[in-house]
Amino acid sequence: MSKKVCKFCGEKIDKDDIFCKGCGAEIQKDEEIIDAIIEKDKTSKKDTNYLLFIIVVLLLIIAIVSGFLILFKN
């Protein structure tokens, strides 16, 4: 059975499905198939990179503050 992609949520759906299994949207038979997976992957990767950047910055701040506390403890 051939697969296509829901244009609303990017979920893979069967060609003969009437509703999306991911979001419940009605699938029109004459709709163009939209490759939402690529868009979804780009967005999630961008969000993941941003979150990773914030975590690294926070860890650096904690390390610097800890270093100063150890140096000036005495």
PDB file of N, CA and C in Angstrom:
ATOM      1  N   MET A   1       0.853  -1.184   0.000  1.00  0.00           N
ATOM      2  CA  MET A   1       0.000   0.000   0.000  1.00  0.00           C
ATOM      3  C   MET A   1       0.897   1.246   0.000  1.00  0.00           C
ATOM      4  N   SER A   2       0.590   2.189  -0.796  1.00  0.00           N
ATOM      5  CA  SER A   2       1.376   3.407  -0.946  1.00  0.00           C
ATOM      6  C   SER A   2       1.141   4.354   0.230  1.00  0.00           C
ATOM      7  N   LYS A   3       2.156   5.109   0.564  1.00  0.00           N
ATOM      8  CA  LYS A   3       2.073   6.047   1.689  1.00  0.00           C
ATOM      9  C   LYS A   3       2.076   7.482   1.195  1.00  0.00           C
ATOM     10  N   LYS A   4       1.464   8.370   1.953  1.00  0.00           N
ATOM     11  CA  LYS A   4       1.582   9.804   1.730  1.00  0.00           C
ATOM     12  C   LYS A   4       1.648  10.471   3.097  1.00  0.00           C
ATOM     13  N   VAL A   5       1.665  11.792   3.110  1.00  0.00           N
ATOM     14  CA  VAL A   5       1.899  12.536   4.338  1.00  0.00           C
ATOM     15  C   VAL A   5       0.760  13.524   4.574  1.00  0.00           C
ATOM     16  N   CYS A   6       0.308  13.604   5.821  1.00  0.00           N
ATOM     17  CA  CYS A   6      -0.729  14.578   6.186  1.00  0.00           C
ATOM     18  C   CYS A   6      -0.144  15.985   6.102  1.00  0.00           C
ATOM     19  N   LYS A   7      -0.853  16.892   5.428  1.00  0.00           N
ATOM     20  CA  LYS A   7      -0.336  18.256   5.289  1.00  0.00           C
ATOM     21  C   LYS A   7      -0.495  19.076   6.562  1.00  0.00           C
ATOM     22  N   PHE A   8      -1.265  18.571   7.521  1.00  0.00           N
ATOM     23  CA  PHE A   8      -1.478  19.306   8.760  1.00  0.00           C
ATOM     24  C   PHE A   8      -0.472  18.951   9.852  1.00  0.00           C
ATOM     25  N   CYS A   9      -0.123  17.657   9.960  1.00  0.00           N
ATOM     26  CA  CYS A   9       0.766  17.268  11.072  1.00  0.00           C
ATOM     27  C   CYS A   9       2.016  16.522  10.631  1.00  0.00           C
ATOM     28  N   GLY A  10       2.095  16.103   9.359  1.00  0.00           N
ATOM     29  CA  GLY A  10       3.286  15.416   8.873  1.00  0.00           C
ATOM     30  C   GLY A  10       3.280  13.925   9.126  1.00  0.00           C
ATOM     31  N   GLU A  11       2.209  13.389   9.672  1.00  0.00           N
ATOM     32  CA  GLU A  11       2.108  11.953   9.949  1.00  0.00           C
ATOM     33  C   GLU A  11       2.022  11.174   8.637  1.00  0.00           C
ATOM     34  N   LYS A  12       2.711  10.031   8.567  1.00  0.00           N
ATOM     35  CA  LYS A  12       2.599   9.173   7.392  1.00  0.00           C
ATOM     36  C   LYS A  12       1.231   8.503   7.425  1.00  0.00           C
ATOM     37  N   ILE A  13       0.540   8.513   6.310  1.00  0.00           N
ATOM     38  CA  ILE A  13      -0.783   7.907   6.222  1.00  0.00           C
ATOM     39  C   ILE A  13      -0.857   7.038   4.971  1.00  0.00           C
ATOM     40  N   ASP A  14      -1.729   6.050   5.022  1.00  0.00           N
ATOM     41  CA  ASP A  14      -1.929   5.194   3.856  1.00  0.00           C
ATOM     42  C   ASP A  14      -2.680   5.958   2.782  1.00  0.00           C
ATOM     43  N   LYS A  15      -2.454   5.575   1.538  1.00  0.00           N
ATOM     44  CA  LYS A  15      -3.066   6.260   0.406  1.00  0.00           C
ATOM     45  C   LYS A  15      -4.592   6.226   0.473  1.00  0.00           C
ATOM     46  N   ASP A  16      -5.153   5.151   1.003  1.00  0.00           N
ATOM     47  CA  ASP A  16      -6.607   4.986   1.033  1.00  0.00           C
ATOM     48  C   ASP A  16      -7.264   5.516   2.307  1.00  0.00           C
ATOM     49  N   ASP A  17      -6.502   6.060   3.247  1.00  0.00           N
ATOM     50  CA  ASP A  17      -7.084   6.580   4.493  1.00  0.00           C
ATOM     51  C   ASP A  17      -7.994   7.772   4.209  1.00  0.00           C
ATOM     52  N   ILE A  18      -9.036   7.884   5.015  1.00  0.00           N
ATOM     53  CA  ILE A  18      -9.963   9.013   4.904  1.00  0.00           C
ATOM     54  C   ILE A  18      -9.613  10.080   5.934  1.00  0.00           C
ATOM     55  N   PHE A  19      -9.114   9.641   7.097  1.00  0.00           N
ATOM     56  CA  PHE A  19      -8.707  10.556   8.161  1.00  0.00           C
ATOM     57  C   PHE A  19      -7.271  10.267   8.567  1.00  0.00           C
ATOM     58  N   CYS A  20      -6.563  11.296   8.992  1.00  0.00           N
ATOM     59  CA  CYS A  20      -5.192  11.159   9.461  1.00  0.00           C
ATOM     60  C   CYS A  20      -5.192  10.470  10.823  1.00  0.00           C
ATOM     61  N   LYS A  21      -4.297   9.506  11.001  1.00  0.00           N
ATOM     62  CA  LYS A  21      -4.184   8.806  12.285  1.00  0.00           C
ATOM     63  C   LYS A  21      -3.512   9.682  13.336  1.00  0.00           C
ATOM     64  N   GLY A  22      -2.761  10.696  12.908  1.00  0.00           N
ATOM     65  CA  GLY A  22      -2.040  11.566  13.835  1.00  0.00           C
ATOM     66  C   GLY A  22      -2.894  12.685  14.399  1.00  0.00           C
ATOM     67  N   CYS A  23      -3.604  13.410  13.524  1.00  0.00           N
ATOM     68  CA  CYS A  23      -4.350  14.589  13.991  1.00  0.00           C
ATOM     69  C   CYS A  23      -5.850  14.501  13.732  1.00  0.00           C
ATOM     70  N   GLY A  24      -6.276  13.497  12.967  1.00  0.00           N
ATOM     71  CA  GLY A  24      -7.700  13.329  12.712  1.00  0.00           C
ATOM     72  C   GLY A  24      -8.253  14.160  11.565  1.00  0.00           C
ATOM     73  N   ALA A  25      -7.383  14.870  10.867  1.00  0.00           N
ATOM     74  CA  ALA A  25      -7.840  15.715   9.752  1.00  0.00           C
ATOM     75  C   ALA A  25      -8.377  14.843   8.618  1.00  0.00           C
ATOM     76  N   GLU A  26      -9.399  15.347   7.938  1.00  0.00           N
ATOM     77  CA  GLU A  26      -9.955  14.620   6.803  1.00  0.00           C
ATOM     78  C   GLU A  26      -9.006  14.733   5.613  1.00  0.00           C
ATOM     79  N   ILE A  27      -8.737  13.620   4.987  1.00  0.00           N
ATOM     80  CA  ILE A  27      -7.827  13.578   3.847  1.00  0.00           C
ATOM     81  C   ILE A  27      -8.654  13.595   2.570  1.00  0.00           C
ATOM     82  N   GLN A  28      -8.428  14.579   1.733  1.00  0.00           N
ATOM     83  CA  GLN A  28      -9.131  14.689   0.459  1.00  0.00           C
ATOM     84  C   GLN A  28      -8.399  13.847  -0.575  1.00  0.00           C
ATOM     85  N   LYS A  29      -9.128  13.122  -1.376  1.00  0.00           N
ATOM     86  CA  LYS A  29      -8.522  12.242  -2.383  1.00  0.00           C
ATOM     87  C   LYS A  29      -7.806  13.030  -3.478  1.00  0.00           C
ATOM     88  N   ASP A  30      -8.287  14.229  -3.805  1.00  0.00           N
ATOM     89  CA  ASP A  30      -7.691  14.992  -4.898  1.00  0.00           C
ATOM     90  C   ASP A  30      -6.641  15.998  -4.429  1.00  0.00           C
ATOM     91  N   GLU A  31      -6.267  15.946  -3.139  1.00  0.00           N
ATOM     92  CA  GLU A  31      -5.251  16.873  -2.626  1.00  0.00           C
ATOM     93  C   GLU A  31      -3.874  16.516  -3.173  1.00  0.00           C
ATOM     94  N   GLU A  32      -3.049  17.531  -3.292  1.00  0.00           N
ATOM     95  CA  GLU A  32      -1.652  17.291  -3.631  1.00  0.00           C
ATOM     96  C   GLU A  32      -0.978  16.699  -2.417  1.00  0.00           C
ATOM     97  N   ILE A  33      -0.052  15.785  -2.623  1.00  0.00           N
ATOM     98  CA  ILE A  33       0.705  15.220  -1.510  1.00  0.00           C
ATOM     99  C   ILE A  33       1.778  16.238  -1.122  1.00  0.00           C
ATOM    100  N   ILE A  34       1.757  16.610   0.130  1.00  0.00           N
ATOM    101  CA  ILE A  34       2.712  17.600   0.618  1.00  0.00           C
ATOM    102  C   ILE A  34       3.731  16.900   1.504  1.00  0.00           C
ATOM    103  N   ASP A  35       4.982  17.114   1.225  1.00  0.00           N
ATOM    104  CA  ASP A  35       6.029  16.448   1.982  1.00  0.00           C
ATOM    105  C   ASP A  35       6.289  17.218   3.263  1.00  0.00           C
ATOM    106  N   ALA A  36       5.421  17.035   4.233  1.00  0.00           N
ATOM    107  CA  ALA A  36       5.525  17.753   5.497  1.00  0.00           C
ATOM    108  C   ALA A  36       6.594  17.164   6.398  1.00  0.00           C
ATOM    109  N   ILE A  37       7.053  15.977   6.113  1.00  0.00           N
ATOM    110  CA  ILE A  37       8.073  15.359   6.963  1.00  0.00           C
ATOM    111  C   ILE A  37       9.345  16.201   6.958  1.00  0.00           C
ATOM    112  N   ILE A  38       9.735  16.707   5.793  1.00  0.00           N
ATOM    113  CA  ILE A  38      10.945  17.524   5.709  1.00  0.00           C
ATOM    114  C   ILE A  38      10.782  18.777   6.556  1.00  0.00           C
ATOM    115  N   GLU A  39       9.639  19.450   6.443  1.00  0.00           N
ATOM    116  CA  GLU A  39       9.398  20.646   7.235  1.00  0.00           C
ATOM    117  C   GLU A  39       9.390  20.320   8.727  1.00  0.00           C
ATOM    118  N   LYS A  40       8.755  19.219   9.094  1.00  0.00           N
ATOM    119  CA  LYS A  40       8.680  18.823  10.495  1.00  0.00           C
ATOM    120  C   LYS A  40      10.086  18.537  11.038  1.00  0.00           C
ATOM    121  N   ASP A  41      10.916  17.826  10.250  1.00  0.00           N
ATOM    122  CA  ASP A  41      12.266  17.513  10.676  1.00  0.00           C
ATOM    123  C   ASP A  41      13.107  18.776  10.841  1.00  0.00           C
ATOM    124  N   LYS A  42      12.983  19.720   9.923  1.00  0.00           N
ATOM    125  CA  LYS A  42      13.746  20.966  10.031  1.00  0.00           C
ATOM    126  C   LYS A  42      13.362  21.719  11.289  1.00  0.00           C
ATOM    127  N   THR A  43      12.067  21.782  11.582  1.00  0.00           N
ATOM    128  CA  THR A  43      11.598  22.503  12.759  1.00  0.00           C
ATOM    129  C   THR A  43      12.085  21.829  14.031  1.00  0.00           C
ATOM    130  N   SER A  44      11.949  20.514  14.117  1.00  0.00           N
ATOM    131  CA  SER A  44      12.361  19.855  15.338  1.00  0.00           C
ATOM    132  C   SER A  44      13.870  19.926  15.536  1.00  0.00           C
ATOM    133  N   LYS A  45      14.626  19.885  14.453  1.00  0.00           N
ATOM    134  CA  LYS A  45      16.075  19.991  14.584  1.00  0.00           C
ATOM    135  C   LYS A  45      16.459  21.389  15.060  1.00  0.00           C
ATOM    136  N   LYS A  46      15.776  22.409  14.538  1.00  0.00           N
ATOM    137  CA  LYS A  46      16.053  23.778  14.945  1.00  0.00           C
ATOM    138  C   LYS A  46      15.734  23.949  16.440  1.00  0.00           C
ATOM    139  N   ASP A  47      14.599  23.422  16.883  1.00  0.00           N
ATOM    140  CA  ASP A  47      14.218  23.504  18.293  1.00  0.00           C
ATOM    141  C   ASP A  47      15.217  22.769  19.172  1.00  0.00           C
ATOM    142  N   THR A  48      15.673  21.597  18.723  1.00  0.00           N
ATOM    143  CA  THR A  48      16.632  20.811  19.488  1.00  0.00           C
ATOM    144  C   THR A  48      17.960  21.551  19.593  1.00  0.00           C
ATOM    145  N   ASN A  49      18.416  22.161  18.507  1.00  0.00           N
ATOM    146  CA  ASN A  49      19.672  22.902  18.540  1.00  0.00           C
ATOM    147  C   ASN A  49      19.584  24.089  19.494  1.00  0.00           C
ATOM    148  N   TYR A  50      18.465  24.775  19.499  1.00  0.00           N
ATOM    149  CA  TYR A  50      18.277  25.919  20.396  1.00  0.00           C
ATOM    150  C   TYR A  50      18.294  25.465  21.850  1.00  0.00           C
ATOM    151  N   LEU A  51      17.605  24.374  22.148  1.00  0.00           N
ATOM    152  CA  LEU A  51      17.567  23.843  23.506  1.00  0.00           C
ATOM    153  C   LEU A  51      18.962  23.394  23.941  1.00  0.00           C
ATOM    154  N   LEU A  52      19.690  22.744  23.058  1.00  0.00           N
ATOM    155  CA  LEU A  52      21.050  22.304  23.362  1.00  0.00           C
ATOM    156  C   LEU A  52      21.953  23.500  23.642  1.00  0.00           C
ATOM    157  N   PHE A  53      21.813  24.567  22.875  1.00  0.00           N
ATOM    158  CA  PHE A  53      22.599  25.780  23.093  1.00  0.00           C
ATOM    159  C   PHE A  53      22.329  26.359  24.485  1.00  0.00           C
ATOM    160  N   ILE A  54      21.066  26.430  24.871  1.00  0.00           N
ATOM    161  CA  ILE A  54      20.706  26.973  26.194  1.00  0.00           C
ATOM    162  C   ILE A  54      21.289  26.119  27.307  1.00  0.00           C
ATOM    163  N   ILE A  55      21.232  24.797  27.164  1.00  0.00           N
ATOM    164  CA  ILE A  55      21.778  23.903  28.188  1.00  0.00           C
ATOM    165  C   ILE A  55      23.283  24.092  28.322  1.00  0.00           C
ATOM    166  N   VAL A  56      23.978  24.201  27.197  1.00  0.00           N
ATOM    167  CA  VAL A  56      25.438  24.388  27.232  1.00  0.00           C
ATOM    168  C   VAL A  56      25.785  25.719  27.907  1.00  0.00           C
ATOM    169  N   VAL A  57      25.062  26.784  27.584  1.00  0.00           N
ATOM    170  CA  VAL A  57      25.323  28.087  28.199  1.00  0.00           C
ATOM    171  C   VAL A  57      25.080  28.017  29.710  1.00  0.00           C
ATOM    172  N   LEU A  58      24.003  27.384  30.127  1.00  0.00           N
ATOM    173  CA  LEU A  58      23.721  27.265  31.564  1.00  0.00           C
ATOM    174  C   LEU A  58      24.798  26.446  32.279  1.00  0.00           C
ATOM    175  N   LEU A  59      25.268  25.378  31.653  1.00  0.00           N
ATOM    176  CA  LEU A  59      26.342  24.585  32.261  1.00  0.00           C
ATOM    177  C   LEU A  59      27.629  25.389  32.380  1.00  0.00           C
ATOM    178  N   LEU A  60      27.932  26.213  31.383  1.00  0.00           N
ATOM    179  CA  LEU A  60      29.117  27.068  31.453  1.00  0.00           C
ATOM    180  C   LEU A  60      28.993  28.086  32.592  1.00  0.00           C
ATOM    181  N   ILE A  61      27.824  28.663  32.739  1.00  0.00           N
ATOM    182  CA  ILE A  61      27.607  29.626  33.823  1.00  0.00           C
ATOM    183  C   ILE A  61      27.778  28.947  35.174  1.00  0.00           C
ATOM    184  N   ILE A  62      27.228  27.765  35.327  1.00  0.00           N
ATOM    185  CA  ILE A  62      27.364  27.024  36.590  1.00  0.00           C
ATOM    186  C   ILE A  62      28.824  26.702  36.864  1.00  0.00           C
ATOM    187  N   ALA A  63      29.562  26.289  35.834  1.00  0.00           N
ATOM    188  CA  ALA A  63      30.978  25.964  36.013  1.00  0.00           C
ATOM    189  C   ALA A  63      31.785  27.195  36.419  1.00  0.00           C
ATOM    190  N   ILE A  64      31.514  28.334  35.799  1.00  0.00           N
ATOM    191  CA  ILE A  64      32.242  29.565  36.121  1.00  0.00           C
ATOM    192  C   ILE A  64      31.929  30.015  37.540  1.00  0.00           C
ATOM    193  N   VAL A  65      30.667  30.016  37.909  1.00  0.00           N
ATOM    194  CA  VAL A  65      30.284  30.429  39.263  1.00  0.00           C
ATOM    195  C   VAL A  65      30.888  29.482  40.292  1.00  0.00           C
ATOM    196  N   SER A  66      30.865  28.182  40.019  1.00  0.00           N
ATOM    197  CA  SER A  66      31.466  27.213  40.944  1.00  0.00           C
ATOM    198  C   SER A  66      32.961  27.455  41.095  1.00  0.00           C
ATOM    199  N   GLY A  67      33.624  27.756  40.004  1.00  0.00           N
ATOM    200  CA  GLY A  67      35.069  28.044  40.054  1.00  0.00           C
ATOM    201  C   GLY A  67      35.367  29.260  40.911  1.00  0.00           C
ATOM    202  N   PHE A  68      34.581  30.324  40.769  1.00  0.00           N
ATOM    203  CA  PHE A  68      34.781  31.512  41.594  1.00  0.00           C
ATOM    204  C   PHE A  68      34.495  31.221  43.064  1.00  0.00           C
ATOM    205  N   LEU A  69      33.498  30.455  43.355  1.00  0.00           N
ATOM    206  CA  LEU A  69      33.185  30.113  44.740  1.00  0.00           C
ATOM    207  C   LEU A  69      34.301  29.308  45.386  1.00  0.00           C
ATOM    208  N   ILE A  70      34.907  28.403  44.624  1.00  0.00           N
ATOM    209  CA  ILE A  70      36.009  27.604  45.145  1.00  0.00           C
ATOM    210  C   ILE A  70      37.236  28.486  45.365  1.00  0.00           C
ATOM    211  N   LEU A  71      37.521  29.385  44.428  1.00  0.00           N
ATOM    212  CA  LEU A  71      38.697  30.257  44.551  1.00  0.00           C
ATOM    213  C   LEU A  71      38.580  31.210  45.739  1.00  0.00           C
ATOM    214  N   PHE A  72      37.413  31.777  45.945  1.00  0.00           N
ATOM    215  CA  PHE A  72      37.259  32.792  46.980  1.00  0.00           C
ATOM    216  C   PHE A  72      36.676  32.245  48.274  1.00  0.00           C
ATOM    217  N   LYS A  73      36.676  30.929  48.411  1.00  0.00           N
ATOM    218  CA  LYS A  73      36.150  30.314  49.620  1.00  0.00           C
ATOM    219  C   LYS A  73      37.001  30.662  50.842  1.00  0.00           C
ATOM    220  N   ASN A  74      38.282  30.696  50.666  1.00  0.00           N
ATOM    221  CA  ASN A  74      39.188  30.960  51.789  1.00  0.00           C
ATOM    222  C   ASN A  74      39.281  32.402  52.029  1.00  0.00           C
TER     223      ASN A  74
END
